[in-house]
Amino acid sequence: MALSKSKKNEKVKALAAELETSTSAIIGTFTGLTAAKDFELRKTIRAAGGRYHVVKNKLAAKSAQGTKVEKALQGLKGVSSVAYTSGDPVALAKALSNWVKDNAEFTFKLGIVDGKVINVTEIQSLATLPGKEELFSKLLFLINAPATRLATVINATGRNLAVVVNQAVEQNKLSAGEAPAAKAEAKSDSAADKAAATEAAAHAEESQAGEQPSGAAQPENSTASQAGEAANTEPAEGN
């Protein structure tokens, strides 16, 4: 049953509204496609972020006017269907290519990506490219990899320094809380103590020998006193 002019206009407007935001489309054709397989195909396309319509060629051309997929929908012949998306064109190409492998009833006509029309071979090549999610994952890995390596090096340096310091303390090469100045002062005090002990021993030996200890202070006028004592003990003349 032929569609009335008003119905055709409604379909054109509805499809045009959907195609207006689409950036990529893949046009195909089919023969003998059952209702069950048609349902599977639509489900596959929705999972890839796209939408799907079987269209009349003239209606498709009119609906696509002024959109980014206009060039792909002009001058179509035979039975045509269009899968379109405003998302990842690679994901759509992958989904359709995988489905077509097991369903020979469906074949590609052409495609369009960001205003550029591509042929069947290019659609298949598009399906082999990494998708946006995969590209983002690789990009994040490349961005994070240097930072991860830097963090690993910094952590390893800190651990190594701690190990070296700990080993030095255990081997008495580094005494916790003891400064070099304190060590020098202790060494100086020890030398002074030894010198004082030596001097005291020398004085003791001199005292035992009845000698005035070396370095001891001599009493003033000691010579004169000794001379007076000697004069007093001599016998007086004439006795």
Protein backbone atom coordinates (compact mmCIF):
# COMPACT_ATOMS: atom_id res chain seq x y z
CA MET A 1 0.00 0.00 0.00
CA ALA A 2 1.44 3.34 -1.06
CA LEU A 3 2.06 5.93 1.62
CA SER A 4 0.14 9.16 1.45
CA LYS A 5 2.04 12.38 0.93
CA SER A 6 1.46 13.44 4.54
CA LYS A 7 2.84 10.11 5.85
CA LYS A 8 5.88 10.44 3.64
CA ASN A 9 6.49 13.93 4.95
CA GLU A 10 6.22 12.70 8.52
CA LYS A 11 8.77 9.96 7.85
CA VAL A 12 11.10 12.41 6.15
CA LYS A 13 10.94 14.79 9.10
CA ALA A 14 11.46 12.03 11.67
CA LEU A 15 14.44 10.54 9.85
CA ALA A 16 15.89 13.99 9.15
CA ALA A 17 15.76 14.82 12.87
CA GLU A 18 17.74 11.68 13.67
CA LEU A 19 20.26 12.12 10.87
CA GLU A 20 20.85 15.76 11.79
CA THR A 21 23.11 14.82 14.71
CA SER A 22 24.70 11.80 13.04
CA THR A 23 28.32 12.01 11.95
CA SER A 24 28.74 8.54 10.45
CA ALA A 25 26.55 6.09 8.53
CA ILE A 26 26.84 2.73 6.83
CA ILE A 27 24.41 1.88 4.05
CA GLY A 28 23.66 -1.71 3.19
CA THR A 29 21.28 -3.96 1.30
CA PHE A 30 19.79 -7.37 1.94
CA THR A 31 17.82 -10.20 0.36
CA GLY A 32 15.68 -12.76 2.17
CA LEU A 33 16.32 -11.28 5.62
CA THR A 34 13.91 -12.89 8.09
CA ALA A 35 12.16 -10.99 10.87
CA ALA A 36 14.25 -12.79 13.49
CA LYS A 37 17.53 -11.84 11.83
CA ASP A 38 16.30 -8.30 11.30
CA PHE A 39 15.66 -8.10 15.05
CA GLU A 40 19.18 -9.42 15.79
CA LEU A 41 20.68 -6.87 13.40
CA ARG A 42 18.87 -3.96 15.05
CA LYS A 43 19.92 -5.20 18.50
CA THR A 44 23.57 -5.45 17.38
CA ILE A 45 23.52 -1.91 16.01
CA ARG A 46 21.90 -0.48 19.18
CA ALA A 47 24.61 -2.15 21.30
CA ALA A 48 27.22 -0.30 19.23
CA GLY A 49 25.53 3.06 19.92
CA GLY A 50 23.74 3.34 16.54
CA ARG A 51 20.28 3.25 15.05
CA TYR A 52 18.94 1.43 12.00
CA HIS A 53 16.25 2.03 9.39
CA VAL A 54 15.16 0.37 6.16
CA VAL A 55 14.49 3.35 3.87
CA LYS A 56 13.11 4.24 0.47
CA ASN A 57 15.88 5.77 -1.62
CA LYS A 58 14.11 9.04 -2.45
CA LEU A 59 12.90 9.46 1.13
CA ALA A 60 16.44 8.86 2.43
CA ALA A 61 17.93 11.41 0.05
CA LYS A 62 15.37 14.04 1.08
CA SER A 63 15.77 13.30 4.81
CA ALA A 64 19.57 13.60 4.66
CA GLN A 65 19.63 17.05 3.08
CA GLY A 66 21.76 19.45 5.12
CA THR A 67 23.20 16.73 7.35
CA LYS A 68 26.75 15.34 7.63
CA VAL A 69 25.66 12.05 6.01
CA GLU A 70 23.89 13.65 3.03
CA LYS A 71 26.45 12.53 0.42
CA ALA A 72 26.03 8.86 1.32
CA LEU A 73 22.26 8.89 0.92
CA GLN A 74 22.06 10.51 -2.51
CA GLY A 75 21.38 8.43 -5.66
CA LEU A 76 20.77 5.10 -3.93
CA LYS A 77 19.31 2.21 -5.94
CA GLY A 78 17.63 -1.04 -4.97
CA VAL A 79 16.76 -2.01 -1.40
CA SER A 80 18.59 0.17 1.08
CA SER A 81 19.00 0.32 4.83
CA VAL A 82 21.04 2.77 6.87
CA ALA A 83 22.82 2.33 10.18
CA TYR A 84 23.93 5.68 11.63
CA THR A 85 25.55 7.05 14.76
CA SER A 86 26.77 10.24 16.37
CA GLY A 87 29.25 8.23 18.40
CA ASP A 88 32.16 5.97 17.53
CA PRO A 89 32.13 5.01 13.81
CA VAL A 90 34.64 2.23 14.44
CA ALA A 91 32.33 0.54 16.96
CA LEU A 92 29.47 0.63 14.42
CA ALA A 93 31.69 -0.76 11.63
CA LYS A 94 32.97 -3.54 13.90
CA ALA A 95 29.47 -4.56 14.98
CA LEU A 96 28.11 -4.68 11.43
CA SER A 97 31.20 -6.45 10.01
CA ASN A 98 31.05 -9.16 12.68
CA TRP A 99 27.33 -9.67 12.13
CA VAL A 100 27.72 -9.88 8.32
CA LYS A 101 30.30 -12.69 8.66
CA ASP A 102 27.53 -15.02 9.86
CA ASN A 103 24.71 -13.50 7.83
CA ALA A 104 25.42 -13.40 4.12
CA GLU A 105 21.95 -12.02 3.45
CA PHE A 106 23.26 -8.56 4.31
CA THR A 107 25.92 -6.72 2.29
CA PHE A 108 27.45 -3.23 2.38
CA LYS A 109 26.92 -0.53 -0.22
CA LEU A 110 28.97 2.37 1.12
CA GLY A 111 29.59 4.44 4.22
CA ILE A 112 30.38 7.96 5.35
CA VAL A 113 32.57 9.22 8.24
CA ASP A 114 32.64 12.93 9.10
CA GLY A 115 31.50 13.91 5.61
CA LYS A 116 33.87 11.57 3.73
CA VAL A 117 32.25 8.81 1.67
CA ILE A 118 34.01 5.42 2.00
CA ASN A 119 33.62 2.25 -0.05
CA VAL A 120 33.09 -1.34 1.09
CA THR A 121 36.83 -2.07 1.42
CA GLU A 122 37.26 1.04 3.57
CA ILE A 123 34.35 0.01 5.77
CA GLN A 124 36.09 -3.30 6.43
CA SER A 125 39.36 -1.49 7.14
CA LEU A 126 37.53 0.84 9.53
CA ALA A 127 36.28 -2.20 11.42
CA THR A 128 39.88 -3.33 12.12
CA LEU A 129 40.90 -0.06 13.81
CA PRO A 130 40.94 0.32 17.60
CA GLY A 131 37.79 1.97 18.93
CA LYS A 132 37.63 5.17 20.97
CA GLU A 133 37.61 3.36 24.30
CA GLU A 134 40.66 1.31 23.33
CA LEU A 135 42.48 4.42 22.11
CA PHE A 136 41.65 6.29 25.34
CA SER A 137 42.94 3.34 27.40
CA LYS A 138 46.23 3.31 25.48
CA LEU A 139 46.55 7.08 25.79
CA LEU A 140 45.98 6.96 29.55
CA PHE A 141 48.58 4.20 29.84
CA LEU A 142 51.14 6.29 27.96
CA ILE A 143 50.38 9.33 30.13
CA ASN A 144 50.52 7.43 33.43
CA ALA A 145 53.50 5.21 32.62
CA PRO A 146 56.25 7.86 33.19
CA ALA A 147 54.64 9.02 36.46
CA THR A 148 54.40 5.42 37.65
CA ARG A 149 58.07 4.78 36.89
CA LEU A 150 59.06 8.03 38.65
CA ALA A 151 57.10 7.09 41.76
CA THR A 152 58.75 3.66 41.77
CA VAL A 153 62.24 5.19 41.57
CA ILE A 154 61.50 7.69 44.36
CA ASN A 155 60.13 4.96 46.64
CA ALA A 156 63.10 2.71 45.90
CA THR A 157 65.56 5.53 46.71
CA GLY A 158 63.88 6.15 50.05
CA ARG A 159 63.97 2.45 50.93
CA ASN A 160 67.62 2.12 49.92
CA LEU A 161 68.63 5.13 52.03
CA ALA A 162 66.83 3.71 55.05
CA VAL A 163 68.62 0.37 54.62
CA VAL A 164 72.06 2.03 54.38
CA VAL A 165 71.48 4.16 57.49
CA ASN A 166 70.24 1.17 59.44
CA GLN A 167 73.28 -0.91 58.47
CA ALA A 168 75.62 1.94 59.48
CA VAL A 169 74.01 2.15 62.93
CA GLU A 170 74.24 -1.62 63.43
CA GLN A 171 77.96 -1.60 62.50
CA ASN A 172 78.65 1.33 64.90
CA LYS A 173 79.62 3.50 61.96
CA LEU A 174 76.90 5.95 62.86
CA SER A 175 75.86 6.38 66.50
CA ALA A 176 72.35 7.66 66.93
CA GLY A 177 72.31 10.98 68.83
CA GLU A 178 76.13 11.31 69.09
CA ALA A 179 77.59 14.27 67.25
CA PRO A 180 81.21 14.38 65.98
CA ALA A 181 81.91 17.41 68.21
CA ALA A 182 80.92 15.42 71.30
CA LYS A 183 83.30 12.63 70.27
CA ALA A 184 86.18 15.12 69.86
CA GLU A 185 85.49 16.67 73.26
CA ALA A 186 85.43 13.26 74.94
CA LYS A 187 88.74 12.37 73.29
CA SER A 188 90.33 15.66 74.52
CA ASP A 189 89.14 15.07 78.10
CA SER A 190 90.62 11.56 78.08
CA ALA A 191 94.03 12.87 76.96
CA ALA A 192 94.02 15.53 79.72
CA ASP A 193 93.20 12.91 82.36
CA LYS A 194 96.11 10.74 81.24
CA ALA A 195 98.55 13.69 81.40
CA ALA A 196 97.40 14.63 84.93
CA ALA A 197 97.83 11.06 86.13
CA THR A 198 101.39 10.90 84.74
CA GLU A 199 102.36 14.16 86.44
CA ALA A 200 100.95 13.02 89.80
CA ALA A 201 102.98 9.80 89.63
CA ALA A 202 106.17 11.76 88.95
CA HIS A 203 105.60 14.00 91.99
CA ALA A 204 105.05 10.97 94.21
CA GLU A 205 108.38 9.44 93.15
CA GLU A 206 110.25 12.68 93.87
CA SER A 207 108.66 12.96 97.31
CA GLN A 208 109.75 9.44 98.25
CA ALA A 209 113.32 10.29 97.24
CA GLY A 210 113.34 13.29 99.66
CA GLU A 211 113.54 15.79 96.90
CA GLN A 212 111.38 18.74 96.36
CA PRO A 213 108.97 17.76 93.71
CA SER A 214 109.90 19.16 90.36
CA GLY A 215 107.91 22.15 89.51
CA ALA A 216 107.07 22.86 93.21
CA ALA A 217 107.43 26.46 94.42
CA GLN A 218 110.64 27.19 96.36
CA PRO A 219 110.31 29.16 99.66
CA GLU A 220 111.70 32.69 99.54
CA ASN A 221 115.22 33.28 101.13
CA SER A 222 115.78 29.54 101.53
CA THR A 223 119.54 29.96 100.92
CA ALA A 224 119.94 32.63 103.56
CA SER A 225 118.10 30.53 106.14
CA GLN A 226 120.32 27.54 105.53
CA ALA A 227 123.44 29.74 105.93
CA GLY A 228 122.20 31.14 109.29
CA GLU A 229 121.57 27.69 110.64
CA ALA A 230 125.03 26.60 109.70
CA ALA A 231 126.62 29.63 111.45
CA ASN A 232 124.80 28.92 114.66
CA THR A 233 125.98 25.35 114.88
CA GLU A 234 129.72 26.13 114.44
CA PRO A 235 131.80 26.25 117.74
CA ALA A 236 132.81 29.68 118.93
CA GLU A 237 136.40 30.71 118.49
CA GLY A 238 138.65 30.42 121.46
CA ASN A 239 136.89 27.60 123.16
